[in-house]
Amino acid sequence: MVVDVTVMSVDVTPRPEPIRPRPAAVPPLKRARRLVVLGDSTAVGLGDPLPRRGGWRGVGPLVAAALGVDGSGYLNPSFAGARMRCVLTDQVPAAVAHRADVALLVAGMNDTLRPDFDAARVAADLGEVIRRLGETGTTVLPVRFHDHSRVFRLPASLKRALGARVAELNAAIDEVVAREGVPCLDLARLPGAYDLATWSVDRLHPSELGHRMLASGFTGLLAEAGFAVPEPVSLACSGGAEPSTAGHVGWLVLKGIPWLWRRGREFLPYAAVIMWNSFRAR
């Protein structure tokens, strides 16, 4: 009997290791060493009084602490009542000289309260602010605004007038932000934006909690933009920093009522037009 034995050869040739894709390199986080805060009274810190020392703290120092920016790297040339043109002409030169890594910009609301409000001009000024700071490598973070009439109670006609102007302002800001490709903090989307605890006694400026919410929103955008945030902002308030009842009344008498009187005289003619147009529509 013949047995057919077939010997199967085994290929022992070494095979190359399969090529595995390398994980994408994660770029290192950017460190902000220099910070500038531009804008109006909210940028100044009004509504967040410093305990025992006097003055204001606000969103700027909170963001600086979160980013690890020391005193020499922090600059705040903002002032109460500033409009967008004020930021461009009076504050940007100092910011450019500071060569900040990050600029926070809170401005535009004062423009809506003036009789010569022009959304196109505000947009042009905002675009120029962003471009000038961008030339020095600064990341600019402007804000778009909430419906402040939901916090500061107003008659229906004034509420419609202010709401219409804020809508115009936000549309202008949206256009510039999209064109320039910069992050923008939407104040209306902040959790608790319309809670009374978020606002100080004057209902015009954020309270300590409100400023902490602003700082948290800004640092969240910066983290998304690749900046390191070593110490995230806490929403726990320090307590004891709120002015006394006498201080509240003093502010209302010395500052609040005169402010409302000045702004009311400037804003009422525009509100009257809104009222007339509403009457005709009905």
Protein backbone atom coordinates (compact mmCIF):
# COMPACT_ATOMS: atom_id res chain seq x y z
CA MET A 1 0.00 0.00 0.00
CA VAL A 2 1.35 3.37 -0.99
CA VAL A 3 0.77 6.22 1.41
CA ASP A 4 0.87 9.71 -0.07
CA VAL A 5 2.42 11.98 2.51
CA THR A 6 2.21 15.66 1.57
CA VAL A 7 4.53 17.88 3.51
CA MET A 8 3.05 21.37 3.96
CA SER A 9 5.57 24.12 4.06
CA VAL A 10 5.19 26.84 6.69
CA ASP A 11 6.06 30.38 5.75
CA VAL A 12 8.24 31.67 8.56
CA THR A 13 9.14 34.93 6.86
CA PRO A 14 8.88 37.75 9.45
CA ARG A 15 5.94 39.99 8.79
CA PRO A 16 6.14 43.71 9.41
CA GLU A 17 4.20 45.09 12.35
CA PRO A 18 0.92 46.66 11.30
CA ILE A 19 1.12 50.40 11.06
CA ARG A 20 -0.97 51.93 13.79
CA PRO A 21 -1.93 55.58 13.52
CA ARG A 22 -0.24 57.70 16.12
CA PRO A 23 -2.56 59.59 18.43
CA ALA A 24 -2.92 63.19 17.45
CA ALA A 25 -0.58 65.40 19.39
CA VAL A 26 -2.43 67.53 21.92
CA PRO A 27 -1.10 71.09 21.74
CA PRO A 28 0.10 72.42 25.08
CA LEU A 29 -2.24 74.80 26.84
CA LYS A 30 -1.46 78.48 26.45
CA ARG A 31 -0.65 80.41 29.60
CA ALA A 32 -2.05 83.92 29.91
CA ARG A 33 0.56 86.09 31.60
CA ARG A 34 -1.00 89.48 30.92
CA LEU A 35 -4.69 90.42 31.17
CA VAL A 36 -6.52 93.67 30.40
CA VAL A 37 -10.14 94.54 31.23
CA LEU A 38 -11.87 97.14 29.07
CA GLY A 39 -15.28 98.72 29.24
CA ASP A 40 -17.77 100.43 31.51
CA SER A 41 -18.78 100.32 35.18
CA THR A 42 -19.30 96.55 35.12
CA ALA A 43 -15.72 96.17 33.92
CA VAL A 44 -14.66 98.48 36.77
CA GLY A 45 -16.27 96.02 39.20
CA LEU A 46 -19.22 98.04 40.48
CA GLY A 47 -21.57 95.87 42.47
CA ASP A 48 -18.79 93.76 44.02
CA PRO A 49 -17.39 95.89 46.87
CA LEU A 50 -14.19 94.84 48.59
CA PRO A 51 -14.66 94.09 52.30
CA ARG A 52 -12.83 96.39 54.69
CA ARG A 53 -10.56 97.86 52.03
CA GLY A 54 -13.14 99.81 50.04
CA GLY A 55 -13.27 100.05 46.27
CA TRP A 56 -14.39 97.37 43.86
CA ARG A 57 -13.15 93.94 42.83
CA GLY A 58 -15.37 92.51 40.09
CA VAL A 59 -14.81 90.23 37.16
CA GLY A 60 -11.27 91.34 36.30
CA PRO A 61 -9.40 90.22 39.43
CA LEU A 62 -11.46 87.02 39.53
CA VAL A 63 -10.37 86.09 35.99
CA ALA A 64 -6.79 87.12 36.73
CA ALA A 65 -6.69 84.80 39.75
CA ALA A 66 -8.17 81.94 37.71
CA LEU A 67 -5.55 82.37 34.98
CA GLY A 68 -2.65 82.86 37.37
CA VAL A 69 -1.99 86.44 36.22
CA ASP A 70 -0.08 88.38 38.87
CA GLY A 71 -0.41 92.06 39.72
CA SER A 72 2.20 93.23 37.23
CA GLY A 73 0.36 91.46 34.42
CA TYR A 74 -3.07 92.90 35.22
CA LEU A 75 -4.39 96.16 33.77
CA ASN A 76 -7.85 97.72 34.03
CA PRO A 77 -8.26 101.15 32.36
CA SER A 78 -12.07 100.86 32.24
CA PHE A 79 -14.30 103.58 33.70
CA ALA A 80 -17.95 104.13 34.53
CA GLY A 81 -20.10 105.47 31.71
CA ALA A 82 -17.75 104.34 28.96
CA ARG A 83 -19.22 103.78 25.51
CA MET A 84 -17.67 101.66 22.77
CA ARG A 85 -16.00 104.71 21.23
CA CYS A 86 -14.48 105.51 24.65
CA VAL A 87 -12.99 102.03 24.75
CA LEU A 88 -11.44 102.55 21.32
CA THR A 89 -10.03 106.03 21.89
CA ASP A 90 -9.27 106.11 25.63
CA GLN A 91 -8.61 102.52 26.70
CA VAL A 92 -7.20 100.59 23.74
CA PRO A 93 -3.90 102.54 23.59
CA ALA A 94 -3.07 101.47 27.15
CA ALA A 95 -4.14 97.90 26.35
CA VAL A 96 -1.93 97.80 23.24
CA ALA A 97 1.04 99.05 25.25
CA HIS A 98 0.34 96.36 27.86
CA ARG A 99 0.57 93.65 25.15
CA ALA A 100 -1.95 91.47 26.94
CA ASP A 101 -2.57 87.84 26.10
CA VAL A 102 -6.27 88.25 26.90
CA ALA A 103 -8.64 91.23 26.86
CA LEU A 104 -12.11 91.15 28.42
CA LEU A 105 -14.49 93.70 26.92
CA VAL A 106 -17.77 94.75 28.56
CA ALA A 107 -19.17 97.74 26.70
CA GLY A 108 -22.16 98.76 24.62
CA MET A 109 -25.01 99.05 27.12
CA ASN A 110 -24.30 102.75 27.74
CA ASP A 111 -24.58 103.32 24.00
CA THR A 112 -28.15 101.99 23.99
CA LEU A 113 -29.20 104.61 26.53
CA ARG A 114 -28.06 107.62 24.52
CA PRO A 115 -30.12 109.58 22.00
CA ASP A 116 -27.40 109.28 19.34
CA PHE A 117 -27.26 105.46 19.49
CA ASP A 118 -26.02 104.04 16.21
CA ALA A 119 -25.58 100.27 16.03
CA ALA A 120 -23.46 100.48 12.88
CA ARG A 121 -21.05 102.87 14.55
CA VAL A 122 -20.81 100.65 17.62
CA ALA A 123 -20.04 97.71 15.34
CA ALA A 124 -17.33 99.67 13.52
CA ASP A 125 -15.72 100.69 16.82
CA LEU A 126 -15.88 97.14 18.18
CA GLY A 127 -14.28 95.76 15.03
CA GLU A 128 -11.46 98.29 15.29
CA VAL A 129 -10.92 97.43 18.97
CA ILE A 130 -10.60 93.74 18.11
CA ARG A 131 -8.27 94.37 15.16
CA ARG A 132 -5.92 96.71 17.02
CA LEU A 133 -5.59 94.34 19.94
CA GLY A 134 -5.31 91.35 17.62
CA GLU A 135 -2.24 92.95 16.02
CA THR A 136 -0.42 92.51 19.33
CA GLY A 137 -1.55 88.88 19.69
CA THR A 138 -4.32 89.60 22.17
CA THR A 139 -7.36 87.30 22.35
CA VAL A 140 -10.38 89.61 22.77
CA LEU A 141 -13.56 88.40 24.48
CA PRO A 142 -16.53 90.78 24.08
CA VAL A 143 -20.01 90.17 25.44
CA ARG A 144 -23.51 90.21 23.94
CA PHE A 145 -26.19 91.46 26.28
CA HIS A 146 -29.18 90.14 28.17
CA ASP A 147 -32.63 91.73 28.35
CA HIS A 148 -31.96 94.09 31.23
CA SER A 149 -35.60 95.14 31.47
CA ARG A 150 -36.25 91.73 33.07
CA VAL A 151 -34.01 92.80 35.97
CA PHE A 152 -34.49 96.55 36.14
CA ARG A 153 -38.27 96.95 36.16
CA LEU A 154 -39.50 99.46 33.61
CA PRO A 155 -42.85 100.64 32.26
CA ALA A 156 -43.97 98.64 29.24
CA SER A 157 -43.11 101.37 26.72
CA LEU A 158 -39.60 101.83 28.11
CA LYS A 159 -39.16 98.06 28.24
CA ARG A 160 -40.01 97.75 24.55
CA ALA A 161 -37.72 100.65 23.68
CA LEU A 162 -34.77 99.29 25.61
CA GLY A 163 -35.39 95.77 24.32
CA ALA A 164 -35.38 97.03 20.72
CA ARG A 165 -32.09 98.83 21.20
CA VAL A 166 -30.42 95.89 22.92
CA ALA A 167 -31.55 93.68 20.04
CA GLU A 168 -29.94 96.11 17.58
CA LEU A 169 -26.77 96.17 19.65
CA ASN A 170 -26.58 92.38 19.85
CA ALA A 171 -27.12 92.02 16.11
CA ALA A 172 -24.21 94.39 15.52
CA ILE A 173 -22.00 92.51 17.99
CA ASP A 174 -22.92 89.16 16.42
CA GLU A 175 -21.90 90.43 12.99
CA VAL A 176 -18.50 91.63 14.21
CA VAL A 177 -17.82 88.48 16.24
CA ALA A 178 -18.60 86.26 13.26
CA ARG A 179 -16.43 88.34 10.92
CA GLU A 180 -13.45 88.58 13.27
CA GLY A 181 -13.73 85.01 14.55
CA VAL A 182 -13.42 85.80 18.26
CA PRO A 183 -15.13 84.15 21.25
CA CYS A 184 -18.09 86.03 22.71
CA LEU A 185 -19.82 85.62 26.07
CA ASP A 186 -23.62 85.62 25.80
CA LEU A 187 -24.81 87.10 29.10
CA ALA A 188 -28.39 85.94 28.56
CA ARG A 189 -27.21 82.31 28.53
CA LEU A 190 -25.40 82.45 31.85
CA PRO A 191 -27.21 80.25 34.41
CA GLY A 192 -29.18 82.47 36.76
CA ALA A 193 -28.69 85.56 34.59
CA TYR A 194 -32.10 86.92 35.61
CA ASP A 195 -32.09 85.85 39.27
CA LEU A 196 -32.15 88.80 41.65
CA ALA A 197 -29.22 87.35 43.61
CA THR A 198 -27.11 87.91 40.50
CA TRP A 199 -27.63 91.67 40.73
CA SER A 200 -26.59 94.33 43.20
CA VAL A 201 -29.00 96.64 44.98
CA ASP A 202 -29.07 99.08 42.06
CA ARG A 203 -30.19 96.31 39.65
CA LEU A 204 -27.79 97.83 37.13
CA HIS A 205 -24.56 96.07 38.04
CA PRO A 206 -23.80 92.44 38.91
CA SER A 207 -23.53 91.46 42.55
CA GLU A 208 -20.52 89.49 43.79
CA LEU A 209 -22.27 86.35 42.55
CA GLY A 210 -22.97 88.04 39.21
CA HIS A 211 -19.32 89.01 38.79
CA ARG A 212 -18.26 85.47 39.67
CA MET A 213 -20.66 84.17 37.02
CA LEU A 214 -19.15 86.56 34.49
CA ALA A 215 -15.65 85.42 35.42
CA SER A 216 -16.66 81.77 35.16
CA GLY A 217 -18.18 82.39 31.73
CA PHE A 218 -15.08 84.19 30.46
CA THR A 219 -12.68 81.53 31.74
CA GLY A 220 -14.86 78.82 30.22
CA LEU A 221 -14.46 80.47 26.81
CA LEU A 222 -10.73 80.83 27.37
CA ALA A 223 -10.42 77.15 28.23
CA GLU A 224 -12.21 76.32 24.97
CA ALA A 225 -9.73 78.59 23.17
CA GLY A 226 -6.80 76.57 24.57
CA PHE A 227 -5.81 78.66 27.58
CA ALA A 228 -4.88 77.06 30.88
CA VAL A 229 -7.19 77.88 33.80
CA PRO A 230 -5.22 76.65 36.83
CA GLU A 231 -7.72 77.90 39.43
CA PRO A 232 -11.34 77.72 38.15
CA VAL A 233 -13.61 80.47 39.42
CA SER A 234 -15.73 79.53 42.42
CA LEU A 235 -19.32 80.71 42.64
CA ALA A 236 -19.16 80.67 46.43
CA CYS A 237 -19.41 84.26 47.62
CA SER A 238 -17.15 85.58 50.33
CA GLY A 239 -20.01 87.18 52.27
CA GLY A 240 -19.68 90.28 54.35
CA ALA A 241 -18.73 92.37 51.34
CA GLU A 242 -22.22 93.70 50.74
CA PRO A 243 -22.67 97.32 51.75
CA SER A 244 -24.97 98.13 54.64
CA THR A 245 -28.57 99.26 54.24
CA ALA A 246 -27.39 102.82 54.80
CA GLY A 247 -24.85 102.28 52.05
CA HIS A 248 -27.58 101.06 49.72
CA VAL A 249 -29.74 104.08 50.44
CA GLY A 250 -26.75 106.39 50.11
CA TRP A 251 -25.91 104.95 46.71
CA LEU A 252 -29.51 105.28 45.55
CA VAL A 253 -29.77 108.93 46.63
CA LEU A 254 -26.31 110.09 45.54
CA LYS A 255 -25.78 107.97 42.45
CA GLY A 256 -28.80 105.93 41.41
CA ILE A 257 -31.50 108.61 41.18
CA PRO A 258 -29.24 111.16 39.41
CA TRP A 259 -28.21 108.43 36.96
CA LEU A 260 -31.82 107.51 36.23
CA TRP A 261 -32.70 111.19 35.80
CA ARG A 262 -29.86 111.83 33.33
CA ARG A 263 -30.43 108.68 31.32
CA GLY A 264 -34.22 109.03 31.44
CA ARG A 265 -34.10 112.50 29.89
CA GLU A 266 -31.90 111.16 27.09
CA PHE A 267 -33.84 107.95 26.53
CA LEU A 268 -37.44 109.12 26.87
CA PRO A 269 -37.67 110.77 23.42
CA TYR A 270 -36.77 107.44 21.81
CA ALA A 271 -39.25 105.63 24.07
CA ALA A 272 -41.94 108.11 23.01
CA VAL A 273 -41.38 107.10 19.38
CA ILE A 274 -41.78 103.44 20.35
CA MET A 275 -45.00 104.26 22.20
CA TRP A 276 -46.38 106.19 19.21
CA ASN A 277 -45.52 103.42 16.77
CA SER A 278 -47.18 100.85 19.06
CA PHE A 279 -50.30 103.02 19.30
CA ARG A 280 -50.50 103.36 15.51
CA ALA A 281 -50.00 99.61 15.06
CA ARG A 282 -52.92 98.89 17.39
